[in-house]
N, C-alpha and C. Protein backbone atom coordinates (compact mmCIF):
# COMPACT_ATOMS: atom_id res chain seq x y z
N MET A 1 -7.99 -3.75 -9.46
CA MET A 1 -8.25 -3.79 -8.02
C MET A 1 -8.41 -2.35 -7.51
N LYS A 2 -9.54 -2.05 -6.90
CA LYS A 2 -9.84 -0.73 -6.39
C LYS A 2 -9.22 -0.55 -5.01
N THR A 3 -8.61 0.61 -4.77
CA THR A 3 -8.01 0.87 -3.46
C THR A 3 -8.72 2.02 -2.77
N MET A 4 -8.46 2.15 -1.49
CA MET A 4 -9.10 3.18 -0.67
C MET A 4 -8.06 3.70 0.32
N LYS A 5 -8.09 5.00 0.58
CA LYS A 5 -7.16 5.58 1.54
C LYS A 5 -7.83 5.61 2.91
N VAL A 6 -7.14 5.06 3.92
CA VAL A 6 -7.67 5.03 5.29
C VAL A 6 -6.63 5.55 6.27
N ARG A 7 -7.12 6.02 7.42
CA ARG A 7 -6.26 6.47 8.53
C ARG A 7 -6.45 5.50 9.68
N MET A 8 -5.35 4.96 10.18
CA MET A 8 -5.40 3.99 11.27
C MET A 8 -5.80 4.69 12.58
N LEU A 9 -6.73 4.09 13.31
CA LEU A 9 -7.18 4.62 14.59
C LEU A 9 -6.47 3.93 15.75
N VAL A 10 -5.93 2.75 15.51
CA VAL A 10 -5.19 2.00 16.52
C VAL A 10 -3.94 1.41 15.89
N HIS A 11 -2.99 1.04 16.73
CA HIS A 11 -1.76 0.39 16.27
C HIS A 11 -2.09 -1.05 15.89
N MET A 12 -1.50 -1.53 14.81
CA MET A 12 -1.72 -2.91 14.37
C MET A 12 -0.40 -3.45 13.84
N SER A 13 0.01 -4.61 14.34
CA SER A 13 1.25 -5.20 13.83
C SER A 13 1.09 -6.70 13.71
N GLY A 14 1.91 -7.27 12.86
CA GLY A 14 1.90 -8.71 12.63
C GLY A 14 3.26 -9.11 12.09
N PRO A 15 3.41 -10.35 11.66
CA PRO A 15 4.70 -10.82 11.18
C PRO A 15 5.25 -10.04 9.98
N ASN A 16 4.35 -9.52 9.14
CA ASN A 16 4.79 -8.85 7.92
C ASN A 16 4.33 -7.40 7.80
N VAL A 17 3.72 -6.86 8.86
CA VAL A 17 3.16 -5.52 8.75
C VAL A 17 3.22 -4.78 10.09
N ILE A 18 3.48 -3.48 10.01
CA ILE A 18 3.39 -2.60 11.18
C ILE A 18 2.64 -1.35 10.73
N ARG A 19 1.52 -1.08 11.39
CA ARG A 19 0.72 0.10 11.09
C ARG A 19 0.50 0.86 12.38
N ASN A 20 0.94 2.11 12.42
CA ASN A 20 0.83 2.93 13.62
C ASN A 20 -0.42 3.80 13.60
N THR A 21 -0.88 4.18 14.77
CA THR A 21 -2.02 5.08 14.90
C THR A 21 -1.72 6.37 14.12
N GLY A 22 -2.66 6.80 13.29
CA GLY A 22 -2.49 8.02 12.51
C GLY A 22 -1.90 7.81 11.13
N ASP A 23 -1.36 6.63 10.85
CA ASP A 23 -0.82 6.34 9.51
C ASP A 23 -1.94 6.41 8.48
N GLU A 24 -1.65 7.02 7.33
CA GLU A 24 -2.60 7.03 6.22
C GLU A 24 -2.07 6.07 5.16
N LEU A 25 -2.90 5.10 4.82
CA LEU A 25 -2.49 4.02 3.92
C LEU A 25 -3.44 3.86 2.76
N GLU A 26 -2.91 3.46 1.62
CA GLU A 26 -3.72 3.11 0.45
C GLU A 26 -3.85 1.58 0.47
N ILE A 27 -5.07 1.09 0.74
CA ILE A 27 -5.31 -0.34 0.95
C ILE A 27 -6.37 -0.83 -0.03
N GLU A 28 -6.28 -2.10 -0.41
CA GLU A 28 -7.27 -2.73 -1.28
C GLU A 28 -8.66 -2.56 -0.65
N GLY A 29 -9.67 -2.30 -1.47
CA GLY A 29 -11.02 -1.94 -1.02
C GLY A 29 -11.65 -2.85 0.01
N LYS A 30 -11.61 -4.18 -0.18
CA LYS A 30 -12.25 -5.10 0.75
C LYS A 30 -11.56 -5.07 2.11
N GLU A 31 -10.24 -5.02 2.12
CA GLU A 31 -9.48 -4.95 3.37
C GLU A 31 -9.76 -3.63 4.09
N ALA A 32 -9.81 -2.54 3.33
CA ALA A 32 -10.10 -1.23 3.91
C ALA A 32 -11.48 -1.23 4.55
N GLN A 33 -12.46 -1.77 3.87
CA GLN A 33 -13.83 -1.82 4.40
C GLN A 33 -13.89 -2.65 5.68
N ARG A 34 -13.16 -3.75 5.71
CA ARG A 34 -13.12 -4.61 6.90
C ARG A 34 -12.53 -3.85 8.08
N LEU A 35 -11.45 -3.10 7.86
CA LEU A 35 -10.82 -2.33 8.94
C LEU A 35 -11.75 -1.22 9.44
N ILE A 36 -12.46 -0.58 8.53
CA ILE A 36 -13.39 0.50 8.91
C ILE A 36 -14.54 -0.07 9.73
N GLU A 37 -15.13 -1.17 9.29
CA GLU A 37 -16.25 -1.78 10.01
C GLU A 37 -15.84 -2.27 11.39
N ALA A 38 -14.57 -2.68 11.55
CA ALA A 38 -14.07 -3.16 12.84
C ALA A 38 -13.66 -2.00 13.76
N GLY A 39 -13.67 -0.76 13.25
CA GLY A 39 -13.29 0.39 14.06
C GLY A 39 -11.78 0.55 14.20
N ILE A 40 -11.04 -0.10 13.33
CA ILE A 40 -9.57 -0.03 13.38
C ILE A 40 -9.06 1.14 12.55
N ALA A 41 -9.84 1.53 11.53
CA ALA A 41 -9.43 2.61 10.63
C ALA A 41 -10.65 3.44 10.26
N GLU A 42 -10.38 4.62 9.68
CA GLU A 42 -11.45 5.48 9.17
C GLU A 42 -11.07 5.92 7.76
N PRO A 43 -12.06 6.14 6.91
CA PRO A 43 -11.74 6.60 5.55
C PRO A 43 -11.17 8.01 5.59
N VAL A 44 -10.23 8.30 4.70
CA VAL A 44 -9.67 9.64 4.59
C VAL A 44 -10.49 10.38 3.55
N ARG A 45 -11.04 11.48 3.96
CA ARG A 45 -11.85 12.30 3.07
C ARG A 45 -10.95 13.32 2.39
N LYS A 46 -11.27 13.63 1.14
CA LYS A 46 -10.51 14.65 0.42
C LYS A 46 -10.85 16.01 1.01
N VAL A 47 -9.84 16.80 1.24
CA VAL A 47 -10.03 18.14 1.80
C VAL A 47 -10.01 19.14 0.65
N LYS A 48 -11.02 19.99 0.63
CA LYS A 48 -11.04 21.02 -0.40
C LYS A 48 -9.95 22.04 -0.12
N ALA A 49 -9.26 22.43 -1.16
CA ALA A 49 -8.20 23.42 -1.02
C ALA A 49 -8.81 24.80 -0.76
N GLU A 50 -8.18 25.55 0.11
CA GLU A 50 -8.66 26.90 0.37
C GLU A 50 -8.32 27.77 -0.83
N ARG A 51 -9.20 28.68 -1.14
CA ARG A 51 -8.97 29.57 -2.27
C ARG A 51 -9.12 31.01 -1.81
N ALA A 52 -8.37 31.87 -2.45
CA ALA A 52 -8.46 33.29 -2.14
C ALA A 52 -9.82 33.80 -2.58
N VAL A 53 -10.37 34.71 -1.82
CA VAL A 53 -11.68 35.28 -2.13
C VAL A 53 -11.47 36.71 -2.61
N LYS A 54 -12.16 37.09 -3.67
CA LYS A 54 -12.04 38.46 -4.17
C LYS A 54 -12.48 39.44 -3.09
N GLY A 55 -11.86 40.61 -3.10
CA GLY A 55 -12.23 41.65 -2.13
C GLY A 55 -13.68 42.06 -2.27
N ARG A 56 -14.23 42.50 -1.18
CA ARG A 56 -15.63 42.92 -1.20
C ARG A 56 -15.78 44.24 -1.94
N THR A 57 -16.86 44.38 -2.63
CA THR A 57 -17.15 45.65 -3.32
C THR A 57 -18.43 46.22 -2.74
N GLY A 58 -18.53 47.51 -2.79
CA GLY A 58 -19.74 48.15 -2.32
C GLY A 58 -19.63 48.67 -0.89
N GLU A 59 -18.62 48.28 -0.15
CA GLU A 59 -18.44 48.78 1.21
C GLU A 59 -17.32 49.80 1.21
N LYS A 60 -17.58 50.96 1.76
CA LYS A 60 -16.57 52.01 1.83
C LYS A 60 -16.51 52.57 3.23
N ALA A 61 -15.35 53.03 3.60
CA ALA A 61 -15.18 53.64 4.93
C ALA A 61 -15.96 54.94 4.98
N VAL A 62 -16.56 55.22 6.13
CA VAL A 62 -17.35 56.44 6.30
C VAL A 62 -16.47 57.48 6.98
N LYS A 63 -16.50 58.72 6.45
CA LYS A 63 -15.70 59.80 7.06
C LYS A 63 -16.55 60.62 7.97
C-alpha cells in the first residue's frame, strides 16, 4: 500500500479521528488524493537541505 505525506488545511474530526489544521500526516494514497482534490489537504513537498557554499575565488579587496 503506497502512502503520501499531506498537510491538513482545515480541521477535520470524526468518531475515530482528529486532524488539526497544519498537521502533517502519512496517509494511504487514495485517501490522500481525495483530501487534496477536496481542498482539505495539500501534499508535503520535500525541502532541499541547505548546503554550505565554497568561498568565492578571484575577488580581492582593493587598496
